[in-house]
Amino acid sequence: MSAVIVNILGQNWFVDRHGWKKVPADAKLEDYHTPEVKSIQPVVNQTIEIKVASSKPGSYYTVTKSQHHYSCTCKGYEFRSRCRHIDEIKEKYD
């Protein structure tokens, strides 16, 4: 819908896709700015899970990467929010 100024029962109204706004009698359409709406690309939050071998044979931890945040299922990450498993994945994939 384009913007218009209409007179209803002696009152002027600026009308656009955002609604109706009462304006002075001498109002001109060019006095009012209707912002353009531009489309944006949605950000897809991709989560990746990678199994990393533990120092114990046959045992694995899961490193999860979401956007730029990493987490790990090991105790080191639980206590320090850092671990060698995340460092290993960052070194390989970043």
C-alpha atoms as a PDB file:
ATOM      1  CA  MET A   1       0.000   0.000   0.000  1.00  0.00           C
ATOM      2  CA  SER A   2       1.258   3.456  -0.863  1.00  0.00           C
ATOM      3  CA  ALA A   3       1.039   6.310   1.580  1.00  0.00           C
ATOM      4  CA  VAL A   4      -1.791   8.851   1.149  1.00  0.00           C
ATOM      5  CA  ILE A   5      -3.243  11.848   2.926  1.00  0.00           C
ATOM      6  CA  VAL A   6      -7.029  11.755   3.169  1.00  0.00           C
ATOM      7  CA  ASN A   7      -9.564  14.215   4.528  1.00  0.00           C
ATOM      8  CA  ILE A   8     -12.408  12.684   6.486  1.00  0.00           C
ATOM      9  CA  LEU A   9     -15.023  14.954   8.012  1.00  0.00           C
ATOM     10  CA  GLY A  10     -12.623  17.929   7.993  1.00  0.00           C
ATOM     11  CA  GLN A  11      -9.659  16.082   9.516  1.00  0.00           C
ATOM     12  CA  ASN A  12      -6.539  15.136   7.556  1.00  0.00           C
ATOM     13  CA  TRP A  13      -4.994  11.733   8.026  1.00  0.00           C
ATOM     14  CA  PHE A  14      -1.682  10.290   6.817  1.00  0.00           C
ATOM     15  CA  VAL A  15      -2.290   6.636   5.993  1.00  0.00           C
ATOM     16  CA  ASP A  16       0.338   4.021   5.196  1.00  0.00           C
ATOM     17  CA  ARG A  17       0.911   0.325   5.917  1.00  0.00           C
ATOM     18  CA  HIS A  18       1.662   1.172   9.553  1.00  0.00           C
ATOM     19  CA  GLY A  19      -1.727   2.767  10.192  1.00  0.00           C
ATOM     20  CA  TRP A  20      -3.456   6.150  10.412  1.00  0.00           C
ATOM     21  CA  LYS A  21      -1.924   9.319  11.857  1.00  0.00           C
ATOM     22  CA  LYS A  22      -3.763  12.633  12.266  1.00  0.00           C
ATOM     23  CA  VAL A  23      -1.894  15.452  10.470  1.00  0.00           C
ATOM     24  CA  PRO A  24      -2.353  19.245  10.108  1.00  0.00           C
ATOM     25  CA  ALA A  25      -4.611  20.679   7.396  1.00  0.00           C
ATOM     26  CA  ASP A  26      -1.623  21.954   5.380  1.00  0.00           C
ATOM     27  CA  ALA A  27       0.235  18.602   5.486  1.00  0.00           C
ATOM     28  CA  LYS A  28       1.859  17.369   2.270  1.00  0.00           C
ATOM     29  CA  LEU A  29       2.660  13.766   1.470  1.00  0.00           C
ATOM     30  CA  GLU A  30       6.353  14.558   0.950  1.00  0.00           C
ATOM     31  CA  ASP A  31       6.524  15.826   4.570  1.00  0.00           C
ATOM     32  CA  TYR A  32       6.128  12.278   5.837  1.00  0.00           C
ATOM     33  CA  HIS A  33       8.616   9.502   5.392  1.00  0.00           C
ATOM     34  CA  THR A  34       7.506   5.915   5.090  1.00  0.00           C
ATOM     35  CA  PRO A  35      10.476   3.665   5.850  1.00  0.00           C
ATOM     36  CA  GLU A  36      11.320   1.015   3.296  1.00  0.00           C
ATOM     37  CA  VAL A  37      11.215  -2.537   4.536  1.00  0.00           C
ATOM     38  CA  LYS A  38      14.124  -4.573   3.270  1.00  0.00           C
ATOM     39  CA  SER A  39      14.288  -8.310   3.446  1.00  0.00           C
ATOM     40  CA  ILE A  40      17.116  -9.877   5.391  1.00  0.00           C
ATOM     41  CA  GLN A  41      18.556 -13.337   5.192  1.00  0.00           C
ATOM     42  CA  PRO A  42      17.849 -15.413   8.296  1.00  0.00           C
ATOM     43  CA  VAL A  43      20.802 -16.677  10.265  1.00  0.00           C
ATOM     44  CA  VAL A  44      20.752 -20.435  10.401  1.00  0.00           C
ATOM     45  CA  ASN A  45      22.032 -21.746  13.695  1.00  0.00           C
ATOM     46  CA  GLN A  46      23.880 -24.864  12.688  1.00  0.00           C
ATOM     47  CA  THR A  47      24.964 -27.161  15.496  1.00  0.00           C
ATOM     48  CA  ILE A  48      27.691 -29.711  14.858  1.00  0.00           C
ATOM     49  CA  GLU A  49      28.614 -32.544  17.202  1.00  0.00           C
ATOM     50  CA  ILE A  50      31.991 -34.265  16.891  1.00  0.00           C
ATOM     51  CA  LYS A  51      33.182 -37.303  18.844  1.00  0.00           C
ATOM     52  CA  VAL A  52      36.716 -36.943  20.196  1.00  0.00           C
ATOM     53  CA  ALA A  53      38.712 -39.802  21.693  1.00  0.00           C
ATOM     54  CA  SER A  54      39.365 -39.661  25.407  1.00  0.00           C
ATOM     55  CA  SER A  55      42.748 -40.485  26.904  1.00  0.00           C
ATOM     56  CA  LYS A  56      41.092 -43.733  28.052  1.00  0.00           C
ATOM     57  CA  PRO A  57      40.987 -46.279  25.222  1.00  0.00           C
ATOM     58  CA  GLY A  58      37.496 -46.848  23.830  1.00  0.00           C
ATOM     59  CA  SER A  59      36.047 -43.773  25.538  1.00  0.00           C
ATOM     60  CA  TYR A  60      34.844 -40.647  23.701  1.00  0.00           C
ATOM     61  CA  TYR A  61      33.633 -37.134  24.475  1.00  0.00           C
ATOM     62  CA  THR A  62      31.308 -35.039  22.350  1.00  0.00           C
ATOM     63  CA  VAL A  63      32.386 -31.546  21.312  1.00  0.00           C
ATOM     64  CA  THR A  64      29.452 -29.393  20.201  1.00  0.00           C
ATOM     65  CA  LYS A  65      29.878 -26.293  18.040  1.00  0.00           C
ATOM     66  CA  SER A  66      27.017 -23.787  17.674  1.00  0.00           C
ATOM     67  CA  GLN A  67      27.927 -20.675  15.665  1.00  0.00           C
ATOM     68  CA  HIS A  68      31.178 -19.624  17.435  1.00  0.00           C
ATOM     69  CA  HIS A  69      30.530 -21.349  20.763  1.00  0.00           C
ATOM     70  CA  TYR A  70      32.059 -24.682  21.722  1.00  0.00           C
ATOM     71  CA  SER A  71      31.212 -27.063  24.546  1.00  0.00           C
ATOM     72  CA  CYS A  72      32.397 -30.525  25.570  1.00  0.00           C
ATOM     73  CA  THR A  73      31.033 -33.361  27.685  1.00  0.00           C
ATOM     74  CA  CYS A  74      34.323 -33.894  29.561  1.00  0.00           C
ATOM     75  CA  LYS A  75      34.941 -32.959  33.225  1.00  0.00           C
ATOM     76  CA  GLY A  76      37.634 -30.431  32.274  1.00  0.00           C
ATOM     77  CA  TYR A  77      35.115 -28.369  30.338  1.00  0.00           C
ATOM     78  CA  GLU A  78      32.567 -28.745  33.117  1.00  0.00           C
ATOM     79  CA  PHE A  79      34.974 -27.177  35.661  1.00  0.00           C
ATOM     80  CA  ARG A  80      37.052 -24.761  33.537  1.00  0.00           C
ATOM     81  CA  SER A  81      34.918 -24.105  30.416  1.00  0.00           C
ATOM     82  CA  ARG A  82      38.013 -25.127  28.409  1.00  0.00           C
ATOM     83  CA  CYS A  83      39.544 -28.432  27.428  1.00  0.00           C
ATOM     84  CA  ARG A  84      42.020 -30.036  25.061  1.00  0.00           C
ATOM     85  CA  HIS A  85      39.204 -31.661  23.069  1.00  0.00           C
ATOM     86  CA  ILE A  86      37.843 -28.261  22.003  1.00  0.00           C
ATOM     87  CA  ASP A  87      41.363 -27.024  21.241  1.00  0.00           C
ATOM     88  CA  GLU A  88      41.875 -30.104  19.058  1.00  0.00           C
ATOM     89  CA  ILE A  89      38.670 -29.471  17.100  1.00  0.00           C
ATOM     90  CA  LYS A  90      39.408 -25.765  16.686  1.00  0.00           C
ATOM     91  CA  GLU A  91      42.857 -26.607  15.331  1.00  0.00           C
ATOM     92  CA  LYS A  92      41.413 -29.005  12.749  1.00  0.00           C
ATOM     93  CA  TYR A  93      38.317 -27.106  11.601  1.00  0.00           C
ATOM     94  CA  ASP A  94      38.777 -23.353  12.240  1.00  0.00           C
END
